[in-house]
Amino acid sequence: MKFTADPRTADWLEYFIPESANFDWDEGNKGKNVKHGYSDVEIESVLRQSKYIFAGQIIDPPHAEWRGLILGLTENGKPTALIFTRRGDKIRPISCRPMRKNEWRLYEETIEKN
């Protein structure tokens, strides 16, 4: 997966309030990530932690709809990669899984710098 900086979305995320009402859950994505070991509540918890990073817009593989990558920890400390899109002022989780080694390195390096 390749991604690129997206300053506009990064700015938007700084003001995002991670309440359940601000996540776009429907039959298409609700409960979908249990197969990866993540409940919807855990996914939301990633954005409630003070130390998550927006890695950027996913550019490869290409998708018809804009997608972004957030790296962070759940409230229980699970290293998490969240692929999402925006629907208005809401985050729509698309996929959530454990971070890969390269993502973990990026996460740690970025957190240490900040």
Protein backbone atom coordinates (compact mmCIF):
# COMPACT_ATOMS: atom_id res chain seq x y z
CA MET A 1 0.00 0.00 0.00
CA LYS A 2 1.27 3.46 -0.89
CA PHE A 3 -0.01 6.72 0.49
CA THR A 4 0.66 10.41 0.10
CA ALA A 5 0.31 13.44 2.34
CA ASP A 6 -3.11 15.06 2.47
CA PRO A 7 -2.85 18.24 4.57
CA ARG A 8 -6.54 19.12 4.17
CA THR A 9 -7.69 15.84 5.70
CA ALA A 10 -4.99 16.06 8.37
CA ASP A 11 -6.39 19.46 9.38
CA TRP A 12 -9.94 18.12 9.35
CA LEU A 13 -8.95 15.23 11.64
CA GLU A 14 -7.51 17.65 14.21
CA TYR A 15 -11.05 18.91 14.82
CA PHE A 16 -12.85 15.59 14.42
CA ILE A 17 -14.84 14.65 17.53
CA PRO A 18 -14.66 10.84 17.88
CA GLU A 19 -18.18 10.28 19.18
CA SER A 20 -20.19 7.34 17.85
CA ALA A 21 -22.57 9.71 16.04
CA ASN A 22 -19.62 10.95 13.94
CA PHE A 23 -18.89 7.52 12.48
CA ASP A 24 -20.81 6.27 9.46
CA TRP A 25 -21.94 2.74 10.33
CA ASP A 26 -24.50 0.85 8.26
CA GLU A 27 -25.18 -2.72 7.16
CA GLY A 28 -22.27 -2.50 4.72
CA ASN A 29 -19.57 -1.97 7.33
CA LYS A 30 -21.11 -2.60 10.76
CA GLY A 31 -19.43 -5.60 12.40
CA LYS A 32 -17.40 -6.25 9.24
CA ASN A 33 -14.01 -6.12 10.99
CA VAL A 34 -14.72 -8.75 13.63
CA LYS A 35 -12.97 -11.17 11.26
CA HIS A 36 -9.78 -9.14 11.90
CA GLY A 37 -10.42 -9.09 15.66
CA TYR A 38 -11.90 -5.57 15.92
CA SER A 39 -15.31 -4.55 17.17
CA ASP A 40 -16.88 -1.30 16.00
CA VAL A 41 -16.33 0.15 19.49
CA GLU A 42 -12.60 -0.70 19.32
CA ILE A 43 -12.32 0.94 15.92
CA GLU A 44 -13.86 4.13 17.25
CA SER A 45 -11.51 4.02 20.24
CA VAL A 46 -8.45 4.46 17.99
CA LEU A 47 -9.48 8.07 17.33
CA ARG A 48 -10.17 8.69 21.02
CA GLN A 49 -6.52 8.10 21.89
CA SER A 50 -4.16 11.05 21.91
CA LYS A 51 -1.51 9.23 19.90
CA TYR A 52 -2.77 8.29 16.49
CA ILE A 53 -1.41 9.47 13.18
CA PHE A 54 -2.95 10.13 9.82
CA ALA A 55 -0.49 8.44 7.45
CA GLY A 56 -2.14 9.95 4.38
CA GLN A 57 -4.32 9.27 1.37
CA ILE A 58 -4.02 5.78 -0.08
CA ILE A 59 -2.95 6.05 -3.71
CA ASP A 60 -1.96 2.45 -4.44
CA PRO A 61 -3.92 0.32 -4.86
CA PRO A 62 -6.18 2.85 -6.55
CA HIS A 63 -9.84 3.13 -5.52
CA ALA A 64 -12.78 4.96 -7.06
CA GLU A 65 -13.48 6.61 -3.69
CA TRP A 66 -10.93 8.59 -1.63
CA ARG A 67 -9.38 6.46 1.14
CA GLY A 68 -7.08 7.33 4.00
CA LEU A 69 -4.96 5.46 6.53
CA ILE A 70 -4.88 6.09 10.28
CA LEU A 71 -2.37 4.29 12.49
CA GLY A 72 -2.95 4.11 16.22
CA LEU A 73 -3.75 2.03 19.24
CA THR A 74 -7.13 0.89 20.50
CA GLU A 75 -8.10 1.71 24.08
CA ASN A 76 -6.66 -1.73 24.95
CA GLY A 77 -3.35 -0.97 23.23
CA LYS A 78 -3.76 -3.03 20.03
CA PRO A 79 -1.65 -1.56 17.18
CA THR A 80 -4.23 -0.77 14.51
CA ALA A 81 -4.38 0.28 10.87
CA LEU A 82 -7.70 1.88 9.97
CA ILE A 83 -8.61 2.43 6.34
CA PHE A 84 -11.42 4.93 6.05
CA THR A 85 -13.20 7.42 3.86
CA ARG A 86 -15.09 10.60 4.65
CA ARG A 87 -18.81 10.94 4.24
CA GLY A 88 -19.55 14.59 4.90
CA ASP A 89 -18.31 15.26 8.42
CA LYS A 90 -18.25 11.58 9.36
CA ILE A 91 -15.60 8.89 9.19
CA ARG A 92 -16.68 5.71 7.44
CA PRO A 93 -14.43 2.82 8.49
CA ILE A 94 -13.75 0.55 5.54
CA SER A 95 -11.24 -1.90 6.97
CA CYS A 96 -9.39 -2.32 10.23
CA ARG A 97 -6.54 -4.73 10.95
CA PRO A 98 -3.33 -5.05 12.99
CA MET A 99 -0.53 -2.76 11.85
CA ARG A 100 2.13 -4.25 9.60
CA LYS A 101 5.80 -3.98 10.63
CA ASN A 102 6.50 -1.02 8.35
CA GLU A 103 3.37 0.75 9.61
CA TRP A 104 4.43 0.16 13.23
CA ARG A 105 7.85 1.70 12.48
CA LEU A 106 6.23 4.74 10.86
CA TYR A 107 3.86 5.08 13.80
CA GLU A 108 6.62 4.87 16.41
CA GLU A 109 8.91 7.28 14.52
CA THR A 110 6.15 9.84 14.09
CA ILE A 111 5.00 9.63 17.71
CA GLU A 112 8.60 10.02 18.95
CA LYS A 113 9.06 13.17 16.81
CA ASN A 114 5.88 14.74 18.18
